[in-house]
């Protein structure tokens, strides 16, 4: 029989898995069967346990590699299926984001999540590009991490003005080791720290700001 903690993790993991494979983000026929890959779930749980225990810093790259390999073995019968690094980072980071909710009313617990990454998807990418572009355009001494992020991941929009993500930057197609992921996380940390936030907090605030624009 599972403990309550295990049930809570499973709930967060399944919600995150749905987010990671939403719409056309995942190439495969049967998304529901991904829930049965115990090795992938175990890899993410090890990462989350490291976050919650505040022990040695959990290795995100190792976890992502373990998740990718677990699904690769699990999906051998489905030749069309591919669980990419883009899918893996969304799964890991959204699991952390859902569990961050447990810090509601307990801000002292939020420090456990400061090392976690911001989930990367098209909407947050566009928000980060817009914010980074505005800072770089207005301040000559802007943080170099923002400049490098824009150089590799963004483009100027001559008609609309401002900045937008490059057309070939598709988060769900990213492969392990793609520097654009690290550049995105670096830019997020700059923007988050300027507001006294960690990357996961920045994600909550970014989505809230977008919801008020619609």
N, C-alpha and C. Protein backbone atom coordinates (compact mmCIF):
# COMPACT_ATOMS: atom_id res chain seq x y z
N UNK A 1 0.84 -1.20 0.00
CA UNK A 1 0.00 0.00 0.00
C UNK A 1 0.87 1.25 0.00
N UNK A 2 0.55 2.17 -0.87
CA UNK A 2 1.33 3.39 -0.98
C UNK A 2 1.07 4.33 0.20
N UNK A 3 2.12 5.06 0.59
CA UNK A 3 1.97 6.08 1.62
C UNK A 3 1.32 7.32 1.02
N UNK A 4 0.89 8.24 1.89
CA UNK A 4 0.30 9.49 1.39
C UNK A 4 1.31 10.28 0.58
N UNK A 5 2.58 10.31 1.02
CA UNK A 5 3.61 11.01 0.26
C UNK A 5 3.75 10.45 -1.14
N UNK A 6 3.70 9.12 -1.26
CA UNK A 6 3.82 8.49 -2.57
C UNK A 6 2.62 8.83 -3.45
N UNK A 7 1.44 8.89 -2.85
CA UNK A 7 0.23 9.27 -3.60
C UNK A 7 0.33 10.71 -4.10
N UNK A 8 0.86 11.58 -3.25
CA UNK A 8 1.02 12.99 -3.64
C UNK A 8 2.00 13.10 -4.80
N UNK A 9 3.12 12.38 -4.70
CA UNK A 9 4.10 12.41 -5.80
C UNK A 9 3.47 11.89 -7.08
N UNK A 10 2.76 10.77 -7.00
CA UNK A 10 2.15 10.18 -8.20
C UNK A 10 1.18 11.15 -8.86
N UNK A 11 0.42 11.88 -8.05
CA UNK A 11 -0.52 12.86 -8.59
C UNK A 11 0.23 13.95 -9.35
N UNK A 12 1.27 14.50 -8.72
CA UNK A 12 2.05 15.56 -9.35
C UNK A 12 2.73 15.05 -10.62
N UNK A 13 3.27 13.83 -10.55
CA UNK A 13 3.98 13.25 -11.70
C UNK A 13 3.03 13.06 -12.88
N UNK A 14 1.85 12.54 -12.63
CA UNK A 14 0.90 12.30 -13.74
C UNK A 14 0.42 13.61 -14.36
N UNK A 15 0.19 14.62 -13.52
CA UNK A 15 -0.18 15.93 -14.06
C UNK A 15 0.95 16.48 -14.93
N UNK A 16 2.18 16.34 -14.46
CA UNK A 16 3.34 16.82 -15.21
C UNK A 16 3.53 16.05 -16.51
N UNK A 17 3.28 14.75 -16.48
CA UNK A 17 3.42 13.93 -17.69
C UNK A 17 2.41 14.37 -18.74
N UNK A 18 1.20 14.70 -18.31
CA UNK A 18 0.20 15.22 -19.25
C UNK A 18 0.68 16.53 -19.87
N UNK A 19 1.27 17.40 -19.05
CA UNK A 19 1.79 18.68 -19.57
C UNK A 19 2.93 18.45 -20.56
N UNK A 20 3.78 17.48 -20.27
CA UNK A 20 4.96 17.22 -21.10
C UNK A 20 4.61 16.65 -22.47
N UNK A 21 3.43 16.07 -22.58
CA UNK A 21 3.04 15.41 -23.83
C UNK A 21 1.79 16.05 -24.45
N UNK A 22 1.48 17.25 -24.00
CA UNK A 22 0.25 17.92 -24.44
C UNK A 22 0.26 18.20 -25.94
N UNK A 23 -0.88 18.01 -26.56
CA UNK A 23 -1.09 18.30 -27.98
C UNK A 23 -0.03 17.63 -28.84
N UNK A 24 0.76 18.41 -29.57
CA UNK A 24 1.75 17.82 -30.49
C UNK A 24 3.16 17.79 -29.91
N UNK A 25 3.28 17.97 -28.59
CA UNK A 25 4.61 18.00 -27.97
C UNK A 25 5.26 16.62 -27.95
N UNK A 26 4.46 15.57 -28.03
CA UNK A 26 4.98 14.21 -27.96
C UNK A 26 4.65 13.46 -29.23
N UNK A 27 5.65 12.77 -29.79
CA UNK A 27 5.45 11.97 -30.99
C UNK A 27 5.21 10.53 -30.56
N UNK A 28 3.99 10.10 -30.62
CA UNK A 28 3.63 8.74 -30.22
C UNK A 28 2.11 8.60 -30.25
N UNK A 29 1.65 7.38 -30.28
CA UNK A 29 0.21 7.13 -30.45
C UNK A 29 -0.56 7.07 -29.14
N UNK A 30 -0.02 6.40 -28.15
CA UNK A 30 -0.74 6.15 -26.91
C UNK A 30 -0.03 6.82 -25.74
N UNK A 31 -0.46 8.02 -25.42
CA UNK A 31 0.20 8.77 -24.34
C UNK A 31 -0.08 8.15 -22.98
N UNK A 32 -1.25 7.56 -22.83
CA UNK A 32 -1.62 7.04 -21.52
C UNK A 32 -0.70 5.94 -21.04
N UNK A 33 -0.16 5.16 -21.97
CA UNK A 33 0.68 4.04 -21.54
C UNK A 33 2.02 4.52 -20.96
N UNK A 34 2.38 5.80 -21.22
CA UNK A 34 3.61 6.34 -20.65
C UNK A 34 3.57 6.32 -19.12
N UNK A 35 2.37 6.35 -18.56
CA UNK A 35 2.24 6.31 -17.10
C UNK A 35 2.77 5.00 -16.51
N UNK A 36 2.87 3.98 -17.33
CA UNK A 36 3.28 2.67 -16.84
C UNK A 36 4.80 2.48 -16.82
N UNK A 37 5.54 3.51 -17.23
CA UNK A 37 7.00 3.40 -17.23
C UNK A 37 7.52 3.70 -15.83
N UNK A 38 7.68 2.65 -15.04
CA UNK A 38 8.07 2.80 -13.64
C UNK A 38 9.47 3.38 -13.49
N UNK A 39 10.37 3.06 -14.42
CA UNK A 39 11.75 3.54 -14.32
C UNK A 39 11.82 5.06 -14.47
N UNK A 40 11.01 5.62 -15.36
CA UNK A 40 10.99 7.08 -15.54
C UNK A 40 10.45 7.76 -14.28
N UNK A 41 9.36 7.21 -13.74
CA UNK A 41 8.79 7.76 -12.52
C UNK A 41 9.78 7.71 -11.37
N UNK A 42 10.51 6.60 -11.27
CA UNK A 42 11.49 6.44 -10.19
C UNK A 42 12.62 7.46 -10.32
N UNK A 43 13.04 7.74 -11.56
CA UNK A 43 14.11 8.72 -11.78
C UNK A 43 13.68 10.11 -11.33
N UNK A 44 12.47 10.49 -11.68
CA UNK A 44 11.97 11.81 -11.28
C UNK A 44 11.79 11.87 -9.77
N UNK A 45 11.34 10.78 -9.18
CA UNK A 45 11.15 10.75 -7.72
C UNK A 45 12.48 10.91 -6.98
N UNK A 46 13.54 10.30 -7.51
CA UNK A 46 14.86 10.47 -6.88
C UNK A 46 15.27 11.94 -6.90
N UNK A 47 15.00 12.59 -8.01
CA UNK A 47 15.32 14.01 -8.14
C UNK A 47 14.52 14.83 -7.13
N UNK A 48 13.23 14.58 -7.06
CA UNK A 48 12.36 15.32 -6.14
C UNK A 48 12.74 15.05 -4.69
N UNK A 49 13.07 13.81 -4.37
CA UNK A 49 13.49 13.49 -3.01
C UNK A 49 14.75 14.27 -2.64
N UNK A 50 15.65 14.42 -3.60
CA UNK A 50 16.86 15.22 -3.35
C UNK A 50 16.53 16.67 -3.09
N UNK A 51 15.55 17.18 -3.81
CA UNK A 51 15.11 18.57 -3.60
C UNK A 51 14.51 18.73 -2.21
N UNK A 52 13.62 17.83 -1.84
CA UNK A 52 12.90 17.95 -0.58
C UNK A 52 13.78 17.70 0.63
N UNK A 53 14.79 16.86 0.46
CA UNK A 53 15.66 16.54 1.59
C UNK A 53 16.79 17.54 1.77
N UNK A 54 16.94 18.45 0.81
CA UNK A 54 18.00 19.46 0.86
C UNK A 54 19.37 18.82 1.06
N UNK A 55 19.54 17.65 0.50
CA UNK A 55 20.82 16.95 0.61
C UNK A 55 21.73 17.44 -0.51
N UNK A 56 22.52 16.54 -1.06
CA UNK A 56 23.38 16.92 -2.17
C UNK A 56 22.52 17.39 -3.34
N UNK A 57 22.98 18.43 -4.00
CA UNK A 57 22.18 19.01 -5.09
C UNK A 57 21.84 17.96 -6.14
N UNK A 58 20.57 17.74 -6.42
CA UNK A 58 20.20 16.74 -7.42
C UNK A 58 20.71 17.14 -8.80
N UNK A 59 21.21 16.17 -9.54
CA UNK A 59 21.79 16.43 -10.85
C UNK A 59 20.69 16.38 -11.91
N UNK A 60 20.32 17.56 -12.43
CA UNK A 60 19.23 17.63 -13.40
C UNK A 60 19.57 16.88 -14.68
N UNK A 61 20.79 17.06 -15.19
CA UNK A 61 21.17 16.43 -16.45
C UNK A 61 21.14 14.91 -16.34
N UNK A 62 21.62 14.39 -15.21
CA UNK A 62 21.60 12.94 -15.00
C UNK A 62 20.16 12.44 -14.95
N UNK A 63 19.31 13.17 -14.25
CA UNK A 63 17.90 12.78 -14.16
C UNK A 63 17.24 12.79 -15.53
N UNK A 64 17.48 13.84 -16.30
CA UNK A 64 16.90 13.92 -17.64
C UNK A 64 17.37 12.76 -18.50
N UNK A 65 18.66 12.42 -18.43
CA UNK A 65 19.18 11.29 -19.19
C UNK A 65 18.54 9.98 -18.76
N UNK A 66 18.35 9.81 -17.46
CA UNK A 66 17.70 8.59 -16.95
C UNK A 66 16.27 8.49 -17.45
N UNK A 67 15.56 9.60 -17.45
CA UNK A 67 14.17 9.61 -17.92
C UNK A 67 14.10 9.27 -19.41
N UNK A 68 14.96 9.89 -20.19
CA UNK A 68 14.98 9.62 -21.64
C UNK A 68 15.28 8.15 -21.92
N UNK A 69 16.29 7.62 -21.24
CA UNK A 69 16.66 6.21 -21.46
C UNK A 69 15.55 5.26 -21.01
N UNK A 70 14.88 5.60 -19.91
CA UNK A 70 13.80 4.76 -19.41
C UNK A 70 12.68 4.67 -20.43
N UNK A 71 12.29 5.80 -20.99
CA UNK A 71 11.23 5.78 -21.99
C UNK A 71 11.69 5.13 -23.29
N UNK A 72 12.96 5.30 -23.63
CA UNK A 72 13.48 4.68 -24.85
C UNK A 72 13.36 3.17 -24.77
N UNK A 73 13.69 2.60 -23.62
CA UNK A 73 13.55 1.16 -23.41
C UNK A 73 12.08 0.75 -23.37
N UNK A 74 11.28 1.57 -22.74
CA UNK A 74 9.87 1.26 -22.56
C UNK A 74 9.10 1.29 -23.88
N UNK A 75 9.53 2.17 -24.79
CA UNK A 75 8.79 2.39 -26.04
C UNK A 75 9.37 1.64 -27.24
N UNK A 76 10.17 0.62 -27.02
CA UNK A 76 10.82 -0.08 -28.13
C UNK A 76 9.83 -0.69 -29.11
N UNK A 77 8.64 -1.01 -28.64
CA UNK A 77 7.64 -1.64 -29.52
C UNK A 77 6.92 -0.62 -30.40
N UNK A 78 7.07 0.66 -30.07
CA UNK A 78 6.40 1.72 -30.84
C UNK A 78 7.45 2.51 -31.60
N UNK A 79 7.65 2.17 -32.87
CA UNK A 79 8.73 2.77 -33.65
C UNK A 79 8.56 4.27 -33.86
N UNK A 80 7.34 4.76 -33.80
CA UNK A 80 7.09 6.17 -34.06
C UNK A 80 7.25 7.04 -32.81
N UNK A 81 7.31 6.41 -31.64
CA UNK A 81 7.32 7.17 -30.39
C UNK A 81 8.73 7.68 -30.07
N UNK A 82 8.78 8.88 -29.52
CA UNK A 82 10.06 9.46 -29.10
C UNK A 82 9.80 10.42 -27.94
N UNK A 83 10.42 10.14 -26.80
CA UNK A 83 10.33 11.01 -25.64
C UNK A 83 11.64 11.78 -25.57
N UNK A 84 11.60 13.03 -25.99
CA UNK A 84 12.80 13.84 -26.16
C UNK A 84 13.25 14.49 -24.85
N UNK A 85 14.41 15.13 -24.90
CA UNK A 85 14.86 15.91 -23.75
C UNK A 85 13.85 17.02 -23.46
N UNK A 86 13.28 17.61 -24.52
CA UNK A 86 12.27 18.65 -24.31
C UNK A 86 11.10 18.12 -23.49
N UNK A 87 10.64 16.92 -23.81
CA UNK A 87 9.58 16.29 -23.01
C UNK A 87 10.05 16.01 -21.58
N UNK A 88 11.29 15.52 -21.47
CA UNK A 88 11.83 15.14 -20.15
C UNK A 88 11.97 16.34 -19.23
N UNK A 89 12.49 17.46 -19.75
CA UNK A 89 12.65 18.63 -18.88
C UNK A 89 11.29 19.14 -18.43
N UNK A 90 10.31 19.07 -19.31
CA UNK A 90 8.96 19.53 -18.92
C UNK A 90 8.39 18.62 -17.84
N UNK A 91 8.61 17.32 -17.96
CA UNK A 91 8.13 16.36 -16.97
C UNK A 91 8.77 16.60 -15.60
N UNK A 92 10.08 16.71 -15.57
CA UNK A 92 10.80 16.92 -14.32
C UNK A 92 10.43 18.26 -13.69
N UNK A 93 10.45 19.30 -14.49
CA UNK A 93 10.24 20.65 -13.96
C UNK A 93 8.80 20.91 -13.55
N UNK A 94 7.85 20.33 -14.28
CA UNK A 94 6.45 20.50 -13.89
C UNK A 94 6.13 19.68 -12.65
N UNK A 95 6.77 18.53 -12.47
CA UNK A 95 6.57 17.78 -11.23
C UNK A 95 7.03 18.63 -10.05
N UNK A 96 8.20 19.25 -10.19
CA UNK A 96 8.69 20.13 -9.13
C UNK A 96 7.74 21.31 -8.91
N UNK A 97 7.21 21.86 -10.00
CA UNK A 97 6.31 23.00 -9.87
C UNK A 97 5.04 22.62 -9.12
N UNK A 98 4.47 21.47 -9.45
CA UNK A 98 3.26 21.05 -8.74
C UNK A 98 3.53 20.80 -7.26
N UNK A 99 4.68 20.25 -6.94
CA UNK A 99 5.01 20.00 -5.54
C UNK A 99 5.38 21.29 -4.81
N UNK A 100 5.80 22.30 -5.55
CA UNK A 100 6.08 23.61 -4.95
C UNK A 100 4.81 24.18 -4.30
N UNK A 101 3.66 23.77 -4.81
CA UNK A 101 2.39 24.24 -4.26
C UNK A 101 2.27 23.89 -2.78
N UNK A 102 2.96 22.84 -2.34
CA UNK A 102 2.89 22.42 -0.95
C UNK A 102 3.53 23.45 -0.02
N UNK A 103 4.21 24.45 -0.58
CA UNK A 103 4.81 25.50 0.26
C UNK A 103 3.81 26.61 0.55
N UNK A 104 2.58 26.47 0.08
CA UNK A 104 1.57 27.49 0.34
C UNK A 104 1.43 27.73 1.84
N UNK A 105 1.59 28.98 2.24
CA UNK A 105 1.50 29.33 3.65
C UNK A 105 2.73 28.95 4.45
N UNK A 106 3.74 28.39 3.78
CA UNK A 106 4.98 27.99 4.46
C UNK A 106 6.18 28.46 3.65
N UNK A 107 6.40 29.77 3.59
CA UNK A 107 7.47 30.31 2.75
C UNK A 107 8.86 29.80 3.12
N UNK A 108 9.04 29.34 4.36
CA UNK A 108 10.35 28.82 4.76
C UNK A 108 10.72 27.55 4.00
N UNK A 109 9.74 26.88 3.42
CA UNK A 109 10.01 25.66 2.66
C UNK A 109 10.45 25.94 1.22
N UNK A 110 10.24 27.16 0.76
CA UNK A 110 10.51 27.47 -0.64
C UNK A 110 11.99 27.42 -0.99
N UNK A 111 12.84 27.60 0.02
CA UNK A 111 14.28 27.55 -0.24
C UNK A 111 14.71 26.19 -0.77
N UNK A 112 13.92 25.16 -0.52
CA UNK A 112 14.25 23.83 -1.01
C UNK A 112 14.19 23.75 -2.54
N UNK A 113 13.45 24.67 -3.14
CA UNK A 113 13.23 24.61 -4.58
C UNK A 113 14.09 25.61 -5.37
N UNK A 114 14.99 26.31 -4.68
CA UNK A 114 15.75 27.36 -5.37
C UNK A 114 16.62 26.81 -6.49
N UNK A 115 17.02 25.54 -6.41
CA UNK A 115 17.89 24.96 -7.43
C UNK A 115 17.11 24.36 -8.59
N UNK A 116 15.80 24.30 -8.44
CA UNK A 116 14.97 23.72 -9.51
C UNK A 116 14.90 24.66 -10.71
N UNK A 117 14.60 24.09 -11.86
CA UNK A 117 14.54 24.85 -13.09
C UNK A 117 13.12 25.34 -13.37
N UNK A 118 13.04 26.33 -14.23
CA UNK A 118 11.75 26.81 -14.73
C UNK A 118 11.31 25.92 -15.88
N UNK A 119 10.08 25.40 -15.88
CA UNK A 119 9.62 24.60 -17.02
C UNK A 119 9.70 25.41 -18.32
N UNK A 120 10.26 24.81 -19.34
CA UNK A 120 10.38 25.47 -20.64
C UNK A 120 9.26 25.02 -21.56
N UNK A 121 8.48 25.98 -22.03
CA UNK A 121 7.50 25.73 -23.08
C UNK A 121 7.40 26.98 -23.93
N UNK A 122 6.59 26.94 -24.96
CA UNK A 122 6.53 28.05 -25.90
C UNK A 122 6.05 29.35 -25.28
N UNK A 123 5.11 29.27 -24.35
CA UNK A 123 4.54 30.48 -23.77
C UNK A 123 5.53 31.17 -22.84
N UNK A 124 6.18 30.39 -21.96
CA UNK A 124 7.16 30.99 -21.05
C UNK A 124 8.39 31.46 -21.83
N UNK A 125 8.78 30.71 -22.86
CA UNK A 125 9.91 31.13 -23.69
C UNK A 125 9.64 32.51 -24.28
N UNK A 126 8.45 32.73 -24.82
CA UNK A 126 8.11 34.02 -25.41
C UNK A 126 8.13 35.12 -24.36
N UNK A 127 7.66 34.82 -23.15
CA UNK A 127 7.65 35.82 -22.09
C UNK A 127 9.07 36.20 -21.68
N UNK A 128 9.96 35.21 -21.59
CA UNK A 128 11.35 35.47 -21.21
C UNK A 128 12.06 36.26 -22.30
N UNK A 129 11.81 35.90 -23.55
CA UNK A 129 12.41 36.63 -24.67
C UNK A 129 11.97 38.10 -24.65
N UNK A 130 10.69 38.33 -24.43
CA UNK A 130 10.17 39.70 -24.39
C UNK A 130 10.82 40.51 -23.27
N UNK A 131 10.89 39.94 -22.07
CA UNK A 131 11.47 40.64 -20.93
C UNK A 131 12.96 40.88 -21.11
N UNK A 132 13.67 39.84 -21.58
CA UNK A 132 15.12 39.98 -21.79
C UNK A 132 15.41 41.01 -22.87
N UNK A 133 14.64 40.98 -23.94
CA UNK A 133 14.84 41.92 -25.04
C UNK A 133 14.63 43.36 -24.62
N UNK A 134 13.64 43.58 -23.79
CA UNK A 134 13.36 44.94 -23.32
C UNK A 134 14.51 45.46 -22.47
N UNK A 135 15.05 44.60 -21.61
CA UNK A 135 16.17 45.01 -20.74
C UNK A 135 17.42 45.30 -21.57
N UNK A 136 17.73 44.42 -22.51
CA UNK A 136 18.93 44.59 -23.33
C UNK A 136 18.83 45.84 -24.20
N UNK A 137 17.64 46.12 -24.70
CA UNK A 137 17.45 47.31 -25.54
C UNK A 137 17.55 48.61 -24.74
N UNK A 138 17.16 48.56 -23.47
CA UNK A 138 17.10 49.78 -22.67
C UNK A 138 18.35 50.05 -21.85
N UNK A 139 19.12 48.97 -21.56
CA UNK A 139 20.28 49.14 -20.69
C UNK A 139 21.54 48.60 -21.36
N UNK A 140 22.50 49.49 -21.59
CA UNK A 140 23.74 49.09 -22.27
C UNK A 140 24.53 48.07 -21.46
N UNK A 141 24.41 48.11 -20.16
CA UNK A 141 25.16 47.19 -19.31
C UNK A 141 24.35 46.00 -18.85
N UNK A 142 23.41 45.54 -19.67
CA UNK A 142 22.55 44.41 -19.30
C UNK A 142 23.38 43.16 -19.06
N UNK A 143 22.92 42.31 -18.19
CA UNK A 143 23.61 41.07 -17.83
C UNK A 143 23.93 40.26 -19.09
N UNK A 144 25.16 39.78 -19.17
CA UNK A 144 25.61 39.04 -20.35
C UNK A 144 24.81 37.78 -20.61
N UNK A 145 24.22 37.21 -19.58
CA UNK A 145 23.41 36.02 -19.78
C UNK A 145 22.17 36.31 -20.60
N UNK A 146 21.63 37.51 -20.45
CA UNK A 146 20.48 37.90 -21.26
C UNK A 146 20.90 38.12 -22.71
N UNK A 147 22.05 38.73 -22.89
CA UNK A 147 22.56 38.99 -24.24
C UNK A 147 22.81 37.68 -24.99
N UNK A 148 23.48 36.75 -24.34
CA UNK A 148 23.77 35.46 -24.99
C UNK A 148 22.50 34.68 -25.29
N UNK A 149 21.55 34.75 -24.38
CA UNK A 149 20.27 34.07 -24.60
C UNK A 149 19.58 34.62 -25.85
N UNK A 150 19.54 35.94 -25.98
CA UNK A 150 18.89 36.54 -27.15
C UNK A 150 19.62 36.21 -28.44
N UNK A 151 20.95 36.20 -28.39
CA UNK A 151 21.73 35.91 -29.59
C UNK A 151 21.42 34.52 -30.15
N UNK A 152 21.25 33.54 -29.26
CA UNK A 152 21.05 32.16 -29.69
C UNK A 152 19.58 31.76 -29.85
N UNK A 153 18.72 32.41 -29.11
CA UNK A 153 17.34 31.91 -29.00
C UNK A 153 16.27 32.85 -29.52
N UNK A 154 16.62 34.07 -29.87
CA UNK A 154 15.60 35.05 -30.21
C UNK A 154 15.94 35.81 -31.49
N UNK A 155 14.98 36.57 -31.94
CA UNK A 155 15.16 37.39 -33.15
C UNK A 155 14.35 38.67 -32.98
N UNK A 156 14.82 39.71 -33.62
CA UNK A 156 14.05 40.95 -33.62
C UNK A 156 12.86 40.82 -34.58
N UNK A 157 11.76 41.45 -34.23
CA UNK A 157 10.56 41.43 -35.08
C UNK A 157 10.38 42.80 -35.72
N UNK A 158 10.79 42.94 -36.96
CA UNK A 158 10.78 44.27 -37.60
C UNK A 158 9.38 44.87 -37.73
N UNK A 159 8.38 44.05 -37.91
CA UNK A 159 7.03 44.59 -38.08
C UNK A 159 6.33 44.86 -36.75
N UNK A 160 6.34 43.86 -35.87
CA UNK A 160 5.67 44.01 -34.57
C UNK A 160 6.52 44.80 -33.58
N UNK A 161 7.84 44.82 -33.81
CA UNK A 161 8.74 45.45 -32.86
C UNK A 161 9.08 44.50 -31.72
N UNK A 162 10.14 44.82 -31.03
CA UNK A 162 10.55 43.97 -29.91
C UNK A 162 11.21 42.68 -30.38
N UNK A 163 11.11 41.67 -29.53
CA UNK A 163 11.78 40.39 -29.78
C UNK A 163 10.79 39.23 -29.74
N UNK A 164 11.15 38.17 -30.44
CA UNK A 164 10.37 36.93 -30.39
C UNK A 164 11.32 35.75 -30.49
N UNK A 165 10.88 34.56 -30.07
CA UNK A 165 11.73 33.37 -30.18
C UNK A 165 12.05 33.05 -31.64
N UNK A 166 13.22 32.50 -31.89
CA UNK A 166 13.56 32.06 -33.24
C UNK A 166 12.60 30.96 -33.66
N UNK A 167 12.30 30.93 -34.95
CA UNK A 167 11.32 29.98 -35.46
C UNK A 167 11.73 28.53 -35.26
N UNK A 168 13.04 28.27 -35.21
CA UNK A 168 13.50 26.88 -35.08
C UNK A 168 13.66 26.44 -33.63
N UNK A 169 13.27 27.30 -32.70
CA UNK A 169 13.38 26.93 -31.28
C UNK A 169 12.07 26.26 -30.87
N UNK A 170 12.02 24.95 -30.98
CA UNK A 170 10.85 24.18 -30.58
C UNK A 170 11.20 23.40 -29.31
N UNK A 171 10.64 23.79 -28.20
CA UNK A 171 11.04 23.21 -26.92
C UNK A 171 10.90 21.70 -26.87
N UNK A 172 9.85 21.18 -27.50
CA UNK A 172 9.60 19.74 -27.41
C UNK A 172 10.56 18.92 -28.25
N UNK A 173 11.32 19.57 -29.13
CA UNK A 173 12.26 18.84 -30.00
C UNK A 173 13.70 18.98 -29.51
N UNK A 174 13.93 19.64 -28.39
CA UNK A 174 15.28 19.80 -27.88
C UNK A 174 15.89 18.46 -27.52
N UNK A 175 17.20 18.35 -27.75
CA UNK A 175 17.94 17.14 -27.39
C UNK A 175 18.81 17.43 -26.17
N UNK A 176 19.17 16.38 -25.45
CA UNK A 176 20.01 16.51 -24.27
C UNK A 176 21.34 17.16 -24.66
N UNK A 177 21.73 18.21 -23.93
CA UNK A 177 22.97 18.91 -24.23
C UNK A 177 22.79 20.15 -25.08
N UNK A 178 21.58 20.44 -25.54
CA UNK A 178 21.33 21.64 -26.35
C UNK A 178 21.57 22.87 -25.48
N UNK A 179 22.51 23.72 -25.88
CA UNK A 179 22.88 24.88 -25.06
C UNK A 179 21.74 25.87 -24.90
N UNK A 180 20.76 25.83 -25.78
CA UNK A 180 19.66 26.78 -25.68
C UNK A 180 18.85 26.58 -24.39
N UNK A 181 18.79 25.34 -23.93
CA UNK A 181 18.09 25.09 -22.67
C UNK A 181 18.82 25.78 -21.52
N UNK A 182 20.13 25.64 -21.47
CA UNK A 182 20.91 26.26 -20.40
C UNK A 182 20.87 27.78 -20.50
N UNK A 183 20.88 28.30 -21.73
CA UNK A 183 20.79 29.75 -21.90
C UNK A 183 19.44 30.28 -21.43
N UNK A 184 18.39 29.51 -21.69
CA UNK A 184 17.05 29.88 -21.21
C UNK A 184 17.03 29.92 -19.69
N UNK A 185 17.56 28.87 -19.06
CA UNK A 185 17.57 28.83 -17.60
C UNK A 185 18.41 29.96 -17.01
N UNK A 186 19.52 30.28 -17.67
CA UNK A 186 20.35 31.39 -17.21
C UNK A 186 19.61 32.71 -17.26
N UNK A 187 18.87 32.93 -18.36
CA UNK A 187 18.09 34.17 -18.49
C UNK A 187 16.99 34.23 -17.45
N UNK A 188 16.34 33.10 -17.21
CA UNK A 188 15.28 33.05 -16.19
C UNK A 188 15.84 33.43 -14.82
N UNK A 189 17.01 32.90 -14.49
CA UNK A 189 17.59 33.20 -13.17
C UNK A 189 17.89 34.69 -13.02
N UNK A 190 18.37 35.32 -14.08
CA UNK A 190 18.62 36.76 -14.03
C UNK A 190 17.32 37.51 -13.77
N UNK A 191 16.28 37.19 -14.53
CA UNK A 191 15.00 37.87 -14.39
C UNK A 191 14.35 37.58 -13.04
N UNK A 192 14.47 36.32 -12.58
CA UNK A 192 13.86 35.94 -11.31
C UNK A 192 14.56 36.62 -10.14
N UNK A 193 15.88 36.61 -10.15
CA UNK A 193 16.64 37.20 -9.04
C UNK A 193 16.39 38.70 -8.94
N UNK A 194 16.16 39.34 -10.07
CA UNK A 194 15.87 40.78 -10.05
C UNK A 194 14.57 41.07 -9.31
N UNK A 195 13.70 40.06 -9.21
CA UNK A 195 12.42 40.22 -8.52
C UNK A 195 12.38 39.48 -7.19
N UNK A 196 13.55 38.99 -6.75
CA UNK A 196 13.61 38.27 -5.48
C UNK A 196 12.94 36.92 -5.53
N UNK A 197 12.99 36.26 -6.69
CA UNK A 197 12.31 34.99 -6.88
C UNK A 197 13.29 33.90 -7.27
N UNK A 198 12.85 32.66 -7.15
CA UNK A 198 13.59 31.54 -7.73
C UNK A 198 12.91 31.21 -9.06
N UNK A 199 13.53 30.39 -9.92
CA UNK A 199 12.96 30.12 -11.24
C UNK A 199 11.53 29.58 -11.24
N UNK A 200 11.20 28.70 -10.29
CA UNK A 200 9.82 28.18 -10.26
C UNK A 200 8.84 29.29 -9.88
N UNK A 201 9.23 30.15 -8.95
CA UNK A 201 8.37 31.29 -8.61
C UNK A 201 8.18 32.19 -9.82
N UNK A 202 9.26 32.39 -10.57
CA UNK A 202 9.16 33.22 -11.78
C UNK A 202 8.12 32.65 -12.73
N UNK A 203 8.09 31.33 -12.87
CA UNK A 203 7.12 30.68 -13.76
C UNK A 203 5.69 30.99 -13.32
N UNK A 204 5.41 30.90 -12.02
CA UNK A 204 4.08 31.23 -11.51
C UNK A 204 3.72 32.68 -11.85
N UNK A 205 4.66 33.59 -11.62
CA UNK A 205 4.40 35.01 -11.86
C UNK A 205 4.24 35.30 -13.35
N UNK A 206 5.01 34.62 -14.19
CA UNK A 206 4.92 34.83 -15.63
C UNK A 206 3.55 34.40 -16.15
N UNK A 207 3.08 33.25 -15.71
CA UNK A 207 1.77 32.78 -16.14
C UNK A 207 0.66 33.70 -15.62
N UNK A 208 0.81 34.19 -14.41
CA UNK A 208 -0.19 35.09 -13.85
C UNK A 208 -0.26 36.38 -14.66
N UNK A 209 0.91 36.90 -15.04
CA UNK A 209 0.95 38.13 -15.84
C UNK A 209 0.30 37.91 -17.20
N UNK A 210 0.55 36.76 -17.81
CA UNK A 210 -0.04 36.46 -19.11
C UNK A 210 -1.55 36.32 -19.02
N UNK A 211 -2.03 35.75 -17.91
CA UNK A 211 -3.48 35.57 -17.76
C UNK A 211 -4.21 36.91 -17.66
N UNK A 212 -3.53 37.92 -17.14
CA UNK A 212 -4.15 39.23 -17.01
C UNK A 212 -4.08 40.03 -18.32
N UNK A 213 -3.31 39.53 -19.27
CA UNK A 213 -3.22 40.21 -20.58
C UNK A 213 -4.33 39.76 -21.51
N UNK A 214 -4.87 38.56 -21.24
CA UNK A 214 -5.88 38.01 -22.15
C UNK A 214 -7.28 38.52 -21.79
